[in-house]
Amino acid sequence: MRADKFLNIVNLVKRRAIAQDMCENGAIRICGKSIKPSRDIKVGEVIEMVYLDSSKSFLVLQIPNQKTIPKNQSHLYVKEV
């Protein structure tokens, strides 16, 4: 699944356009490297989201099959590390 789509579906960002912008500006990293919005996300990868004053890391637990998931089910797909 595309990185921008994944971030939006699991409710880490509000809109896919925001996820695309973050990827293009180097705010989303995997293994310390900036990624493109079209990069495939795989189970077991750690996604780092870099903000102006902090950063958060999330472990990918599974890839969603649906277009949207409820916010209260986000913990089934990602876990903050």
C-alpha atoms as a PDB file:
ATOM      1  CA  MET A   1       0.000   0.000   0.000  1.00  0.00           C
ATOM      2  CA  ARG A   2       1.235   3.515  -0.821  1.00  0.00           C
ATOM      3  CA  ALA A   3       2.744   5.464   2.076  1.00  0.00           C
ATOM      4  CA  ASP A   4       0.467   8.494   1.680  1.00  0.00           C
ATOM      5  CA  LYS A   5      -2.633   6.322   1.517  1.00  0.00           C
ATOM      6  CA  PHE A   6      -1.554   4.235   4.523  1.00  0.00           C
ATOM      7  CA  LEU A   7      -0.917   7.300   6.702  1.00  0.00           C
ATOM      8  CA  ASN A   8      -4.372   8.630   5.865  1.00  0.00           C
ATOM      9  CA  ILE A   9      -6.271   5.347   6.322  1.00  0.00           C
ATOM     10  CA  VAL A  10      -4.768   4.565   9.744  1.00  0.00           C
ATOM     11  CA  ASN A  11      -5.519   8.133  10.894  1.00  0.00           C
ATOM     12  CA  LEU A  12      -1.945   9.349  11.378  1.00  0.00           C
ATOM     13  CA  VAL A  13      -2.752  12.384   9.196  1.00  0.00           C
ATOM     14  CA  LYS A  14      -6.118  13.979   8.443  1.00  0.00           C
ATOM     15  CA  ARG A  15      -5.896  14.044   4.649  1.00  0.00           C
ATOM     16  CA  ARG A  16      -3.947  12.203   1.979  1.00  0.00           C
ATOM     17  CA  ALA A  17      -2.761  15.513   0.522  1.00  0.00           C
ATOM     18  CA  ILE A  18      -1.092  16.328   3.848  1.00  0.00           C
ATOM     19  CA  ALA A  19       0.616  12.920   3.837  1.00  0.00           C
ATOM     20  CA  GLN A  20       1.863  13.518   0.275  1.00  0.00           C
ATOM     21  CA  ASP A  21       3.211  16.941   1.231  1.00  0.00           C
ATOM     22  CA  MET A  22       4.961  15.542   4.315  1.00  0.00           C
ATOM     23  CA  CYS A  23       6.615  12.798   2.237  1.00  0.00           C
ATOM     24  CA  GLU A  24       7.756  15.244  -0.444  1.00  0.00           C
ATOM     25  CA  ASN A  25       9.294  17.557   2.179  1.00  0.00           C
ATOM     26  CA  GLY A  26      11.174  14.784   4.007  1.00  0.00           C
ATOM     27  CA  ALA A  27       9.017  14.691   7.150  1.00  0.00           C
ATOM     28  CA  ILE A  28       8.238  10.968   6.762  1.00  0.00           C
ATOM     29  CA  ARG A  29      11.155   8.556   7.079  1.00  0.00           C
ATOM     30  CA  ILE A  30      11.721   4.811   7.077  1.00  0.00           C
ATOM     31  CA  CYS A  31      15.116   3.483   8.215  1.00  0.00           C
ATOM     32  CA  GLY A  32      16.313   7.084   8.503  1.00  0.00           C
ATOM     33  CA  LYS A  33      15.670   7.850   4.826  1.00  0.00           C
ATOM     34  CA  SER A  34      13.029  10.189   3.434  1.00  0.00           C
ATOM     35  CA  ILE A  35      10.454   8.409   1.321  1.00  0.00           C
ATOM     36  CA  LYS A  36       8.271   9.233  -1.655  1.00  0.00           C
ATOM     37  CA  PRO A  37       4.467   9.190  -1.293  1.00  0.00           C
ATOM     38  CA  SER A  38       4.280   6.204  -3.663  1.00  0.00           C
ATOM     39  CA  ARG A  39       6.611   3.947  -1.638  1.00  0.00           C
ATOM     40  CA  ASP A  40       5.055   0.668  -0.543  1.00  0.00           C
ATOM     41  CA  ILE A  41       4.620   0.212   3.201  1.00  0.00           C
ATOM     42  CA  LYS A  42       5.268  -3.272   4.577  1.00  0.00           C
ATOM     43  CA  VAL A  43       4.426  -4.952   7.877  1.00  0.00           C
ATOM     44  CA  GLY A  44       7.217  -4.599  10.428  1.00  0.00           C
ATOM     45  CA  GLU A  45       8.598  -1.289   9.166  1.00  0.00           C
ATOM     46  CA  VAL A  46       9.021   1.676  11.510  1.00  0.00           C
ATOM     47  CA  ILE A  47       7.661   4.953  10.156  1.00  0.00           C
ATOM     48  CA  GLU A  48       9.152   8.102  11.653  1.00  0.00           C
ATOM     49  CA  MET A  49       7.134  11.319  11.433  1.00  0.00           C
ATOM     50  CA  VAL A  50       9.300  14.412  11.973  1.00  0.00           C
ATOM     51  CA  TYR A  51       7.608  17.577  13.230  1.00  0.00           C
ATOM     52  CA  LEU A  52       9.117  21.018  13.876  1.00  0.00           C
ATOM     53  CA  ASP A  53       9.910  20.361  17.526  1.00  0.00           C
ATOM     54  CA  SER A  54       9.647  16.577  17.903  1.00  0.00           C
ATOM     55  CA  SER A  55       9.248  13.274  16.113  1.00  0.00           C
ATOM     56  CA  LYS A  56       7.130  10.154  16.554  1.00  0.00           C
ATOM     57  CA  SER A  57       7.792   6.601  15.416  1.00  0.00           C
ATOM     58  CA  PHE A  58       5.163   4.012  14.561  1.00  0.00           C
ATOM     59  CA  LEU A  59       5.545   0.284  13.962  1.00  0.00           C
ATOM     60  CA  VAL A  60       3.366  -1.102  11.157  1.00  0.00           C
ATOM     61  CA  LEU A  61       1.419  -4.088  12.548  1.00  0.00           C
ATOM     62  CA  GLN A  62      -0.757  -4.843   9.517  1.00  0.00           C
ATOM     63  CA  ILE A  63      -1.987  -3.317   6.272  1.00  0.00           C
ATOM     64  CA  PRO A  64      -5.699  -2.367   6.175  1.00  0.00           C
ATOM     65  CA  ASN A  65      -7.932  -3.922   3.511  1.00  0.00           C
ATOM     66  CA  GLN A  66     -10.603  -1.230   3.713  1.00  0.00           C
ATOM     67  CA  LYS A  67     -10.639   2.329   2.424  1.00  0.00           C
ATOM     68  CA  THR A  68     -11.278   3.772   5.872  1.00  0.00           C
ATOM     69  CA  ILE A  69     -11.102   2.490   9.415  1.00  0.00           C
ATOM     70  CA  PRO A  70     -12.571   3.956  12.613  1.00  0.00           C
ATOM     71  CA  LYS A  71     -10.127   5.946  14.760  1.00  0.00           C
ATOM     72  CA  ASN A  72     -10.644   3.566  17.671  1.00  0.00           C
ATOM     73  CA  GLN A  73      -9.244   0.703  15.536  1.00  0.00           C
ATOM     74  CA  SER A  74      -5.987   2.463  14.566  1.00  0.00           C
ATOM     75  CA  HIS A  75      -4.128   0.540  17.282  1.00  0.00           C
ATOM     76  CA  LEU A  76      -4.669  -2.665  15.261  1.00  0.00           C
ATOM     77  CA  TYR A  77      -2.593  -1.290  12.380  1.00  0.00           C
ATOM     78  CA  VAL A  78       0.114   0.879  13.983  1.00  0.00           C
ATOM     79  CA  LYS A  79       1.784   1.050  17.384  1.00  0.00           C
ATOM     80  CA  GLU A  80       3.762   4.004  18.672  1.00  0.00           C
ATOM     81  CA  VAL A  81       7.321   3.105  19.623  1.00  0.00           C
END
